[in-house]
PDB file of N, CA and C in Angstrom:
ATOM      1  N   MET A   1       0.813  -1.231  -0.082  1.00  0.00           N
ATOM      2  CA  MET A   1       0.021  -0.248   0.149  1.00  0.00           C
ATOM      3  C   MET A   1       0.821   1.380   0.015  1.00  0.00           C
ATOM      4  N   LYS A   2       1.863   1.190   0.946  1.00  0.00           N
ATOM      5  CA  LYS A   2       2.601   2.441   0.957  1.00  0.00           C
ATOM      6  C   LYS A   2       3.693   2.545  -0.280  1.00  0.00           C
ATOM      7  N   LYS A   3       3.892   1.176  -1.009  1.00  0.00           N
ATOM      8  CA  LYS A   3       4.693   1.564  -2.097  1.00  0.00           C
ATOM      9  C   LYS A   3       3.879   2.080  -3.348  1.00  0.00           C
ATOM     10  N   ASN A   4       2.467   1.765  -3.556  1.00  0.00           N
ATOM     11  CA  ASN A   4       1.672   2.357  -4.374  1.00  0.00           C
ATOM     12  C   ASN A   4       1.458   3.622  -4.294  1.00  0.00           C
ATOM     13  N   ILE A   5       1.418   4.239  -3.135  1.00  0.00           N
ATOM     14  CA  ILE A   5       1.238   5.670  -2.912  1.00  0.00           C
ATOM     15  C   ILE A   5       2.531   6.497  -3.176  1.00  0.00           C
ATOM     16  N   TYR A   6       3.755   5.848  -2.892  1.00  0.00           N
ATOM     17  CA  TYR A   6       5.003   6.675  -3.371  1.00  0.00           C
ATOM     18  C   TYR A   6       5.136   6.470  -4.770  1.00  0.00           C
ATOM     19  N   SER A   7       4.881   5.399  -5.247  1.00  0.00           N
ATOM     20  CA  SER A   7       4.987   5.622  -6.613  1.00  0.00           C
ATOM     21  C   SER A   7       4.137   6.533  -7.614  1.00  0.00           C
ATOM     22  N   ILE A   8       2.976   6.872  -7.024  1.00  0.00           N
ATOM     23  CA  ILE A   8       1.964   7.831  -7.516  1.00  0.00           C
ATOM     24  C   ILE A   8       2.236   9.157  -7.248  1.00  0.00           C
ATOM     25  N   LEU A   9       3.078   9.419  -6.003  1.00  0.00           N
ATOM     26  CA  LEU A   9       3.765  10.606  -5.444  1.00  0.00           C
ATOM     27  C   LEU A   9       5.057  11.092  -6.397  1.00  0.00           C
ATOM     28  N   ARG A  10       5.648  10.170  -6.679  1.00  0.00           N
ATOM     29  CA  ARG A  10       6.916  10.052  -7.597  1.00  0.00           C
ATOM     30  C   ARG A  10       6.743  10.170  -8.964  1.00  0.00           C
ATOM     31  N   GLY A  11       5.767   9.924  -9.418  1.00  0.00           N
ATOM     32  CA  GLY A  11       5.001  10.006 -10.956  1.00  0.00           C
ATOM     33  C   GLY A  11       5.550   8.982 -11.576  1.00  0.00           C
ATOM     34  N   LYS A  12       5.820   7.728 -11.280  1.00  0.00           N
ATOM     35  CA  LYS A  12       6.359   6.591 -11.929  1.00  0.00           C
ATOM     36  C   LYS A  12       5.360   6.230 -12.967  1.00  0.00           C
ATOM     37  N   PHE A  13       3.725   6.552 -12.810  1.00  0.00           N
ATOM     38  CA  PHE A  13       2.787   6.120 -13.596  1.00  0.00           C
ATOM     39  C   PHE A  13       2.860   7.127 -15.013  1.00  0.00           C
ATOM     40  N   LEU A  14       3.714   8.137 -14.896  1.00  0.00           N
ATOM     41  CA  LEU A  14       4.055   8.983 -16.132  1.00  0.00           C
ATOM     42  C   LEU A  14       5.232   8.477 -16.827  1.00  0.00           C
ATOM     43  N   VAL A  15       5.951   7.777 -16.241  1.00  0.00           N
ATOM     44  CA  VAL A  15       7.227   7.492 -17.051  1.00  0.00           C
ATOM     45  C   VAL A  15       7.276   6.074 -17.483  1.00  0.00           C
ATOM     46  N   SER A  16       6.555   5.240 -16.977  1.00  0.00           N
ATOM     47  CA  SER A  16       6.520   3.748 -17.102  1.00  0.00           C
ATOM     48  C   SER A  16       6.339   3.610 -18.607  1.00  0.00           C
ATOM     49  N   ASP A  17       6.234   2.361 -19.026  1.00  0.00           N
ATOM     50  CA  ASP A  17       6.403   1.548 -20.464  1.00  0.00           C
ATOM     51  C   ASP A  17       5.029   2.054 -20.843  1.00  0.00           C
ATOM     52  N   ASP A  18       3.809   1.922 -20.229  1.00  0.00           N
ATOM     53  CA  ASP A  18       2.410   2.262 -20.848  1.00  0.00           C
ATOM     54  C   ASP A  18       1.735   3.464 -20.195  1.00  0.00           C
ATOM     55  N   SER A  19       2.785   4.521 -20.192  1.00  0.00           N
ATOM     56  CA  SER A  19       2.257   5.633 -19.694  1.00  0.00           C
ATOM     57  C   SER A  19       1.624   6.535 -20.872  1.00  0.00           C
ATOM     58  N   PHE A  20       1.560   6.303 -21.986  1.00  0.00           N
ATOM     59  CA  PHE A  20       0.759   6.829 -23.110  1.00  0.00           C
ATOM     60  C   PHE A  20      -0.585   6.823 -22.697  1.00  0.00           C
ATOM     61  N   LYS A  21      -1.045   5.574 -22.274  1.00  0.00           N
ATOM     62  CA  LYS A  21      -2.778   5.802 -21.861  1.00  0.00           C
ATOM     63  C   LYS A  21      -2.899   6.835 -20.801  1.00  0.00           C
ATOM     64  N   ASN A  22      -2.041   6.685 -19.758  1.00  0.00           N
ATOM     65  CA  ASN A  22      -2.135   7.758 -18.436  1.00  0.00           C
ATOM     66  C   ASN A  22      -2.241   9.335 -19.201  1.00  0.00           C
ATOM     67  N   TRP A  23      -1.182   9.540 -20.168  1.00  0.00           N
ATOM     68  CA  TRP A  23      -0.984  10.835 -20.523  1.00  0.00           C
ATOM     69  C   TRP A  23      -2.289  11.222 -21.469  1.00  0.00           C
ATOM     70  N   ARG A  24      -2.730  10.402 -22.175  1.00  0.00           N
ATOM     71  CA  ARG A  24      -4.093  10.697 -22.844  1.00  0.00           C
ATOM     72  C   ARG A  24      -5.313  11.202 -21.932  1.00  0.00           C
ATOM     73  N   MET A  25      -5.236  10.387 -20.845  1.00  0.00           N
ATOM     74  CA  MET A  25      -6.236  10.783 -19.845  1.00  0.00           C
ATOM     75  C   MET A  25      -6.306  12.119 -19.162  1.00  0.00           C
ATOM     76  N   ILE A  26      -4.728  12.365 -18.624  1.00  0.00           N
ATOM     77  CA  ILE A  26      -4.441  13.588 -18.062  1.00  0.00           C
ATOM     78  C   ILE A  26      -4.941  14.707 -19.057  1.00  0.00           C
ATOM     79  N   LEU A  27      -4.545  14.591 -20.406  1.00  0.00           N
ATOM     80  CA  LEU A  27      -4.523  15.771 -21.424  1.00  0.00           C
ATOM     81  C   LEU A  27      -6.250  15.908 -21.719  1.00  0.00           C
ATOM     82  N   PHE A  28      -7.010  14.869 -21.738  1.00  0.00           N
ATOM     83  CA  PHE A  28      -8.452  14.909 -21.794  1.00  0.00           C
ATOM     84  C   PHE A  28      -9.007  15.500 -20.504  1.00  0.00           C
ATOM     85  N   ILE A  29      -8.471  15.316 -19.432  1.00  0.00           N
ATOM     86  CA  ILE A  29      -9.136  15.929 -18.426  1.00  0.00           C
ATOM     87  C   ILE A  29      -8.761  17.385 -18.196  1.00  0.00           C
ATOM     88  N   SER A  30      -7.432  17.424 -18.530  1.00  0.00           N
ATOM     89  CA  SER A  30      -7.170  19.002 -18.701  1.00  0.00           C
ATOM     90  C   SER A  30      -7.888  19.647 -19.542  1.00  0.00           C
ATOM     91  N   ILE A  31      -8.269  19.222 -20.746  1.00  0.00           N
ATOM     92  CA  ILE A  31      -8.944  20.110 -21.544  1.00  0.00           C
ATOM     93  C   ILE A  31     -10.390  20.162 -21.150  1.00  0.00           C
ATOM     94  N   LEU A  32     -10.926  19.082 -20.628  1.00  0.00           N
ATOM     95  CA  LEU A  32     -12.377  19.263 -20.287  1.00  0.00           C
ATOM     96  C   LEU A  32     -12.296  20.474 -18.815  1.00  0.00           C
ATOM     97  N   ALA A  33     -11.283  20.592 -18.115  1.00  0.00           N
ATOM     98  CA  ALA A  33     -11.033  21.464 -17.185  1.00  0.00           C
ATOM     99  C   ALA A  33     -11.198  23.058 -17.722  1.00  0.00           C
ATOM    100  N   ILE A  34     -10.263  23.103 -18.843  1.00  0.00           N
ATOM    101  CA  ILE A  34     -10.293  24.396 -19.532  1.00  0.00           C
ATOM    102  C   ILE A  34     -11.548  24.932 -20.029  1.00  0.00           C
ATOM    103  N   ILE A  35     -12.331  23.948 -20.874  1.00  0.00           N
ATOM    104  CA  ILE A  35     -13.559  24.423 -21.192  1.00  0.00           C
ATOM    105  C   ILE A  35     -14.431  24.534 -20.219  1.00  0.00           C
ATOM    106  N   MET A  36     -14.508  23.841 -19.090  1.00  0.00           N
ATOM    107  CA  MET A  36     -15.552  24.236 -17.967  1.00  0.00           C
ATOM    108  C   MET A  36     -15.225  25.571 -17.513  1.00  0.00           C
ATOM    109  N   ILE A  37     -13.978  26.052 -17.235  1.00  0.00           N
ATOM    110  CA  ILE A  37     -13.784  27.221 -16.744  1.00  0.00           C
ATOM    111  C   ILE A  37     -13.888  28.360 -17.681  1.00  0.00           C
ATOM    112  N   ALA A  38     -13.677  28.213 -18.991  1.00  0.00           N
ATOM    113  CA  ALA A  38     -14.099  29.203 -19.862  1.00  0.00           C
ATOM    114  C   ALA A  38     -15.548  29.408 -19.737  1.00  0.00           C
ATOM    115  N   SER A  39     -16.420  28.290 -19.966  1.00  0.00           N
ATOM    116  CA  SER A  39     -17.873  28.433 -19.870  1.00  0.00           C
ATOM    117  C   SER A  39     -18.433  29.028 -18.582  1.00  0.00           C
ATOM    118  N   SER A  40     -17.932  28.692 -17.455  1.00  0.00           N
ATOM    119  CA  SER A  40     -18.097  29.507 -16.396  1.00  0.00           C
ATOM    120  C   SER A  40     -17.995  30.988 -16.420  1.00  0.00           C
ATOM    121  N   HIS A  41     -16.666  31.420 -16.824  1.00  0.00           N
ATOM    122  CA  HIS A  41     -16.567  32.881 -17.412  1.00  0.00           C
ATOM    123  C   HIS A  41     -17.324  33.546 -18.032  1.00  0.00           C
ATOM    124  N   SER A  42     -17.697  32.773 -19.237  1.00  0.00           N
ATOM    125  CA  SER A  42     -18.675  33.161 -20.057  1.00  0.00           C
ATOM    126  C   SER A  42     -19.989  33.604 -19.158  1.00  0.00           C
ATOM    127  N   ALA A  43     -20.511  32.489 -18.572  1.00  0.00           N
ATOM    128  CA  ALA A  43     -21.607  32.488 -17.898  1.00  0.00           C
ATOM    129  C   ALA A  43     -21.881  33.691 -16.963  1.00  0.00           C
ATOM    130  N   ASP A  44     -20.609  34.129 -16.362  1.00  0.00           N
ATOM    131  CA  ASP A  44     -20.638  35.106 -15.237  1.00  0.00           C
ATOM    132  C   ASP A  44     -20.558  36.448 -16.171  1.00  0.00           C
ATOM    133  N   LYS A  45     -20.020  36.542 -17.102  1.00  0.00           N
ATOM    134  CA  LYS A  45     -20.209  37.816 -18.108  1.00  0.00           C
ATOM    135  C   LYS A  45     -21.584  38.045 -18.318  1.00  0.00           C
ATOM    136  N   LYS A  46     -22.387  37.066 -18.787  1.00  0.00           N
ATOM    137  CA  LYS A  46     -23.642  37.013 -19.233  1.00  0.00           C
ATOM    138  C   LYS A  46     -24.772  37.688 -17.718  1.00  0.00           C
ATOM    139  N   VAL A  47     -24.194  37.143 -16.926  1.00  0.00           N
ATOM    140  CA  VAL A  47     -24.932  37.443 -15.884  1.00  0.00           C
ATOM    141  C   VAL A  47     -24.815  38.902 -15.165  1.00  0.00           C
ATOM    142  N   HIS A  48     -23.495  39.185 -15.393  1.00  0.00           N
ATOM    143  CA  HIS A  48     -23.382  40.722 -15.026  1.00  0.00           C
ATOM    144  C   HIS A  48     -24.042  41.604 -16.271  1.00  0.00           C
ATOM    145  N   GLU A  49     -24.036  41.267 -17.445  1.00  0.00           N
ATOM    146  CA  GLU A  49     -24.634  41.897 -18.714  1.00  0.00           C
ATOM    147  C   GLU A  49     -25.959  42.161 -18.331  1.00  0.00           C
ATOM    148  N   ILE A  50     -26.562  41.201 -17.923  1.00  0.00           N
ATOM    149  CA  ILE A  50     -28.300  41.076 -17.478  1.00  0.00           C
ATOM    150  C   ILE A  50     -28.656  41.880 -16.581  1.00  0.00           C
ATOM    151  N   ALA A  51     -27.745  42.008 -15.335  1.00  0.00           N
ATOM    152  CA  ALA A  51     -27.917  42.757 -14.412  1.00  0.00           C
ATOM    153  C   ALA A  51     -27.818  44.336 -14.821  1.00  0.00           C
ATOM    154  N   ARG A  52     -26.825  44.745 -15.408  1.00  0.00           N
ATOM    155  CA  ARG A  52     -26.690  45.906 -15.945  1.00  0.00           C
ATOM    156  C   ARG A  52     -27.753  46.594 -16.699  1.00  0.00           C
ATOM    157  N   LEU A  53     -27.975  45.538 -17.638  1.00  0.00           N
ATOM    158  CA  LEU A  53     -29.292  45.994 -18.689  1.00  0.00           C
ATOM    159  C   LEU A  53     -30.651  46.139 -17.663  1.00  0.00           C
ATOM    160  N   GLY A  54     -30.843  45.222 -16.712  1.00  0.00           N
ATOM    161  CA  GLY A  54     -31.966  45.337 -16.175  1.00  0.00           C
ATOM    162  C   GLY A  54     -31.942  46.917 -14.974  1.00  0.00           C
ATOM    163  N   ASN A  55     -30.869  47.150 -14.666  1.00  0.00           N
ATOM    164  CA  ASN A  55     -30.597  48.616 -13.846  1.00  0.00           C
ATOM    165  C   ASN A  55     -31.130  49.640 -14.882  1.00  0.00           C
ATOM    166  N   GLN A  56     -30.207  49.747 -16.016  1.00  0.00           N
ATOM    167  CA  GLN A  56     -30.429  50.564 -17.349  1.00  0.00           C
ATOM    168  C   GLN A  56     -32.048  50.641 -17.457  1.00  0.00           C
ATOM    169  N   ALA A  57     -32.724  49.465 -17.463  1.00  0.00           N
ATOM    170  CA  ALA A  57     -34.178  49.650 -17.849  1.00  0.00           C
ATOM    171  C   ALA A  57     -35.047  50.358 -16.913  1.00  0.00           C
ATOM    172  N   LYS A  58     -34.671  49.924 -15.659  1.00  0.00           N
ATOM    173  CA  LYS A  58     -35.243  50.600 -14.331  1.00  0.00           C
ATOM    174  C   LYS A  58     -35.058  52.227 -14.570  1.00  0.00           C
ATOM    175  N   GLU A  59     -33.823  52.554 -14.748  1.00  0.00           N
ATOM    176  CA  GLU A  59     -33.421  53.890 -14.772  1.00  0.00           C
ATOM    177  C   GLU A  59     -34.334  54.703 -15.904  1.00  0.00           C
ATOM    178  N   LEU A  60     -34.361  53.970 -17.074  1.00  0.00           N
ATOM    179  CA  LEU A  60     -35.128  54.590 -18.239  1.00  0.00           C
ATOM    180  C   LEU A  60     -36.785  54.641 -17.882  1.00  0.00           C
ATOM    181  N   ARG A  61     -37.212  53.449 -17.313  1.00  0.00           N
ATOM    182  CA  ARG A  61     -38.498  53.616 -16.898  1.00  0.00           C
ATOM    183  C   ARG A  61     -38.911  54.586 -15.985  1.00  0.00           C
ATOM    184  N   SER A  62     -37.955  54.912 -15.114  1.00  0.00           N
ATOM    185  CA  SER A  62     -38.155  56.115 -14.055  1.00  0.00           C
ATOM    186  C   SER A  62     -38.150  57.303 -15.066  1.00  0.00           C
ATOM    187  N   ALA A  63     -37.285  57.468 -15.735  1.00  0.00           N
ATOM    188  CA  ALA A  63     -37.160  58.732 -16.345  1.00  0.00           C
ATOM    189  C   ALA A  63     -38.543  59.166 -17.258  1.00  0.00           C
ATOM    190  N   PHE A  64     -38.999  57.965 -17.664  1.00  0.00           N
ATOM    191  CA  PHE A  64     -39.973  58.099 -18.680  1.00  0.00           C
ATOM    192  C   PHE A  64     -41.288  58.451 -17.934  1.00  0.00           C
ATOM    193  N   ILE A  65     -41.496  57.722 -16.960  1.00  0.00           N
ATOM    194  CA  ILE A  65     -42.257  58.065 -15.633  1.00  0.00           C
ATOM    195  C   ILE A  65     -42.623  59.465 -15.427  1.00  0.00           C
ATOM    196  N   ASP A  66     -41.142  60.019 -15.074  1.00  0.00           N
ATOM    197  CA  ASP A  66     -41.047  61.423 -14.564  1.00  0.00           C
ATOM    198  C   ASP A  66     -41.444  62.456 -15.677  1.00  0.00           C
ATOM    199  N   GLY A  67     -41.014  62.131 -16.759  1.00  0.00           N
ATOM    200  CA  GLY A  67     -41.162  62.932 -18.016  1.00  0.00           C
ATOM    201  C   GLY A  67     -42.712  62.798 -18.427  1.00  0.00           C
ATOM    202  N   ARG A  68     -43.303  61.955 -18.418  1.00  0.00           N
ATOM    203  CA  ARG A  68     -44.683  61.779 -18.526  1.00  0.00           C
ATOM    204  C   ARG A  68     -45.390  62.830 -17.729  1.00  0.00           C
ATOM    205  N   GLY A  69     -45.061  62.739 -16.359  1.00  0.00           N
ATOM    206  CA  GLY A  69     -45.704  63.425 -15.077  1.00  0.00           C
ATOM    207  C   GLY A  69     -45.700  64.827 -15.366  1.00  0.00           C
ATOM    208  N   ARG A  70     -44.359  65.334 -15.847  1.00  0.00           N
ATOM    209  CA  ARG A  70     -44.147  66.939 -16.283  1.00  0.00           C
ATOM    210  C   ARG A  70     -44.918  67.148 -17.432  1.00  0.00           C
ATOM    211  N   LEU A  71     -45.048  66.094 -18.471  1.00  0.00           N
ATOM    212  CA  LEU A  71     -45.755  66.540 -19.582  1.00  0.00           C
ATOM    213  C   LEU A  71     -47.333  66.782 -19.211  1.00  0.00           C
ATOM    214  N   MET A  72     -47.796  65.931 -18.509  1.00  0.00           N
ATOM    215  CA  MET A  72     -49.180  66.064 -17.785  1.00  0.00           C
ATOM    216  C   MET A  72     -49.504  67.356 -17.066  1.00  0.00           C
ATOM    217  N   GLU A  73     -48.553  67.804 -16.361  1.00  0.00           N
ATOM    218  CA  GLU A  73     -48.756  68.993 -15.721  1.00  0.00           C
ATOM    219  C   GLU A  73     -48.692  70.098 -16.644  1.00  0.00           C
ATOM    220  N   MET A  74     -47.791  70.105 -17.555  1.00  0.00           N
ATOM    221  CA  MET A  74     -47.639  71.172 -18.450  1.00  0.00           C
ATOM    222  C   MET A  74     -48.985  71.486 -19.483  1.00  0.00           C
ATOM    223  N   LYS A  75     -49.468  70.295 -19.674  1.00  0.00           N
ATOM    224  CA  LYS A  75     -50.687  70.347 -20.354  1.00  0.00           C
ATOM    225  C   LYS A  75     -51.857  70.801 -19.774  1.00  0.00           C
ATOM    226  N   LYS A  76     -51.797  70.786 -18.557  1.00  0.00           N
ATOM    227  CA  LYS A  76     -53.186  71.335 -17.884  1.00  0.00           C
ATOM    228  C   LYS A  76     -53.424  72.870 -18.201  1.00  0.00           C
ATOM    229  N   GLN A  77     -54.606  73.260 -18.117  1.00  0.00           N
ATOM    230  CA  GLN A  77     -54.938  74.581 -18.522  1.00  0.00           C
ATOM    231  C   GLN A  77     -54.270  75.541 -17.433  1.00  0.00           C
ATOM    232  N   SER A  78     -54.231  75.427 -16.246  1.00  0.00           N
ATOM    233  CA  SER A  78     -53.359  76.180 -15.324  1.00  0.00           C
ATOM    234  C   SER A  78     -51.905  76.199 -15.473  1.00  0.00           C
ATOM    235  N   GLY A  79     -51.226  75.307 -15.945  1.00  0.00           N
ATOM    236  CA  GLY A  79     -49.832  75.203 -16.401  1.00  0.00           C
ATOM    237  C   GLY A  79     -49.670  76.187 -17.475  1.00  0.00           C
ATOM    238  N   VAL A  80     -50.721  76.007 -18.567  1.00  0.00           N
ATOM    239  CA  VAL A  80     -50.586  76.758 -20.072  1.00  0.00           C
ATOM    240  C   VAL A  80     -50.654  78.384 -19.514  1.00  0.00           C
ATOM    241  N   THR A  81     -51.774  78.312 -18.689  1.00  0.00           N
ATOM    242  CA  THR A  81     -51.980  79.949 -18.523  1.00  0.00           C
ATOM    243  C   THR A  81     -50.625  80.439 -17.665  1.00  0.00           C
ATOM    244  N   LYS A  82     -50.289  79.832 -16.662  1.00  0.00           N
ATOM    245  CA  LYS A  82     -49.044  80.206 -15.795  1.00  0.00           C
ATOM    246  C   LYS A  82     -47.781  80.614 -16.662  1.00  0.00           C
ATOM    247  N   LYS A  83     -47.623  79.759 -17.790  1.00  0.00           N
ATOM    248  CA  LYS A  83     -46.399  80.035 -18.756  1.00  0.00           C
ATOM    249  C   LYS A  83     -46.907  81.323 -19.470  1.00  0.00           C
ATOM    250  N   MET A  84     -48.218  81.257 -20.233  1.00  0.00           N
ATOM    251  CA  MET A  84     -48.394  82.642 -20.841  1.00  0.00           C
ATOM    252  C   MET A  84     -48.127  83.848 -20.193  1.00  0.00           C
ATOM    253  N   LYS A  85     -48.745  83.754 -18.904  1.00  0.00           N
ATOM    254  CA  LYS A  85     -48.533  85.075 -18.183  1.00  0.00           C
ATOM    255  C   LYS A  85     -46.990  85.420 -17.944  1.00  0.00           C
ATOM    256  N   GLU A  86     -46.102  84.598 -17.963  1.00  0.00           N
ATOM    257  CA  GLU A  86     -44.829  84.808 -17.910  1.00  0.00           C
ATOM    258  C   GLU A  86     -44.329  85.569 -19.302  1.00  0.00           C
ATOM    259  N   LYS A  87     -44.982  85.226 -20.334  1.00  0.00           N
ATOM    260  CA  LYS A  87     -44.573  85.709 -21.642  1.00  0.00           C
ATOM    261  C   LYS A  87     -45.553  87.069 -22.227  1.00  0.00           C
ATOM    262  N   GLY A  88     -46.362  87.384 -20.959  1.00  0.00           N
ATOM    263  CA  GLY A  88     -47.107  88.553 -21.062  1.00  0.00           C
ATOM    264  C   GLY A  88     -48.391  88.409 -21.690  1.00  0.00           C
ATOM    265  N   LEU A  89     -48.826  87.155 -21.991  1.00  0.00           N
ATOM    266  CA  LEU A  89     -50.068  86.812 -22.833  1.00  0.00           C
ATOM    267  C   LEU A  89     -51.171  86.542 -21.610  1.00  0.00           C
ATOM    268  N   ARG A  90     -52.466  86.804 -21.939  1.00  0.00           N
ATOM    269  CA  ARG A  90     -53.414  86.366 -20.826  1.00  0.00           C
ATOM    270  C   ARG A  90     -54.543  85.523 -21.716  1.00  0.00           C
ATOM    271  N   THR A  91     -55.495  84.756 -20.924  1.00  0.00           N
ATOM    272  CA  THR A  91     -56.734  84.194 -21.651  1.00  0.00           C
ATOM    273  C   THR A  91     -57.643  84.942 -22.052  1.00  0.00           C
ATOM    274  N   SER A  92     -58.313  84.772 -23.008  1.00  0.00           N
ATOM    275  CA  SER A  92     -59.377  85.481 -23.478  1.00  0.00           C
ATOM    276  C   SER A  92     -60.719  85.381 -22.788  1.00  0.00           C
ATOM    277  N   GLU A  93     -61.275  86.683 -22.476  1.00  0.00           N
ATOM    278  CA  GLU A  93     -62.556  86.518 -21.586  1.00  0.00           C
ATOM    279  C   GLU A  93     -63.597  86.349 -22.463  1.00  0.00           C
ATOM    280  N   VAL A  94     -63.411  86.739 -23.692  1.00  0.00           N
ATOM    281  CA  VAL A  94     -64.690  86.270 -24.781  1.00  0.00           C
ATOM    282  C   VAL A  94     -64.559  84.975 -25.591  1.00  0.00           C
ATOM    283  N   PRO A  95     -65.571  84.244 -25.264  1.00  0.00           N
ATOM    284  CA  PRO A  95     -65.543  83.068 -25.771  1.00  0.00           C
ATOM    285  C   PRO A  95     -65.208  82.794 -27.257  1.00  0.00           C
ATOM    286  N   PRO A  96     -64.722  81.841 -27.844  1.00  0.00           N
ATOM    287  CA  PRO A  96     -64.540  81.588 -29.231  1.00  0.00           C
ATOM    288  C   PRO A  96     -65.915  81.759 -30.075  1.00  0.00           C
ATOM    289  N   GLN A  97     -65.854  82.318 -31.327  1.00  0.00           N
ATOM    290  CA  GLN A  97     -66.878  82.004 -32.133  1.00  0.00           C
ATOM    291  C   GLN A  97     -66.775  80.982 -33.232  1.00  0.00           C
ATOM    292  N   LYS A  98     -67.989  80.591 -33.643  1.00  0.00           N
ATOM    293  CA  LYS A  98     -67.889  79.439 -34.495  1.00  0.00           C
ATOM    294  C   LYS A  98     -68.118  80.164 -35.985  1.00  0.00           C
ATOM    295  N   ILE A  99     -67.077  79.964 -36.841  1.00  0.00           N
ATOM    296  CA  ILE A  99     -67.180  80.539 -38.294  1.00  0.00           C
ATOM    297  C   ILE A  99     -67.784  79.624 -39.113  1.00  0.00           C
ATOM    298  N   LYS A 100     -68.777  79.761 -39.866  1.00  0.00           N
ATOM    299  CA  LYS A 100     -69.575  78.793 -40.842  1.00  0.00           C
ATOM    300  C   LYS A 100     -69.298  79.402 -42.211  1.00  0.00           C
ATOM    301  N   VAL A 101     -68.840  78.570 -43.126  1.00  0.00           N
ATOM    302  CA  VAL A 101     -68.477  78.797 -44.407  1.00  0.00           C
ATOM    303  C   VAL A 101     -69.437  78.285 -45.354  1.00  0.00           C
ATOM    304  N   LYS A 102     -70.084  78.828 -45.959  1.00  0.00           N
ATOM    305  CA  LYS A 102     -71.219  78.383 -47.014  1.00  0.00           C
ATOM    306  C   LYS A 102     -70.508  77.936 -48.269  1.00  0.00           C
ATOM    307  N   PRO A 103     -70.778  76.854 -48.871  1.00  0.00           N
ATOM    308  CA  PRO A 103     -70.483  76.266 -50.168  1.00  0.00           C
ATOM    309  C   PRO A 103     -70.709  77.270 -51.142  1.00  0.00           C
ATOM    310  N   GLN A 104     -69.715  77.545 -52.094  1.00  0.00           N
ATOM    311  CA  GLN A 104     -70.122  78.445 -53.053  1.00  0.00           C
ATOM    312  C   GLN A 104     -70.943  77.726 -54.339  1.00  0.00           C
ATOM    313  N   GLN A 105     -71.756  78.268 -54.937  1.00  0.00           N
ATOM    314  CA  GLN A 105     -72.575  77.524 -56.046  1.00  0.00           C
ATOM    315  C   GLN A 105     -72.090  78.004 -57.382  1.00  0.00           C
ATOM    316  N   ASN A 106     -71.691  77.141 -58.125  1.00  0.00           N
ATOM    317  CA  ASN A 106     -71.278  77.730 -59.616  1.00  0.00           C
ATOM    318  C   ASN A 106     -72.174  77.774 -60.559  1.00  0.00           C
TER     319      ASN A 106
END
């Protein structure tokens, strides 16, 4: 038992006559490990990108709601009246009149 552990620690299985099989297995496992690490890094990048895009979508949604609220405030008659007073205009006290156009007969 001790002899087997020492032979593994010294690496005799890598230099013996039938070591080609061992090297193939080690190479195969190494390639699989590299592929697994690359896949993990790729998945991490995608997770970070998804989180960044989610935060950006929340910010844009918030800006949209804020802009929509300001627009609704500006569209109110009181808001328009206040803006026009700043420019020296006032609302008309005479109601608008309807203009009727009669079709011309030829």
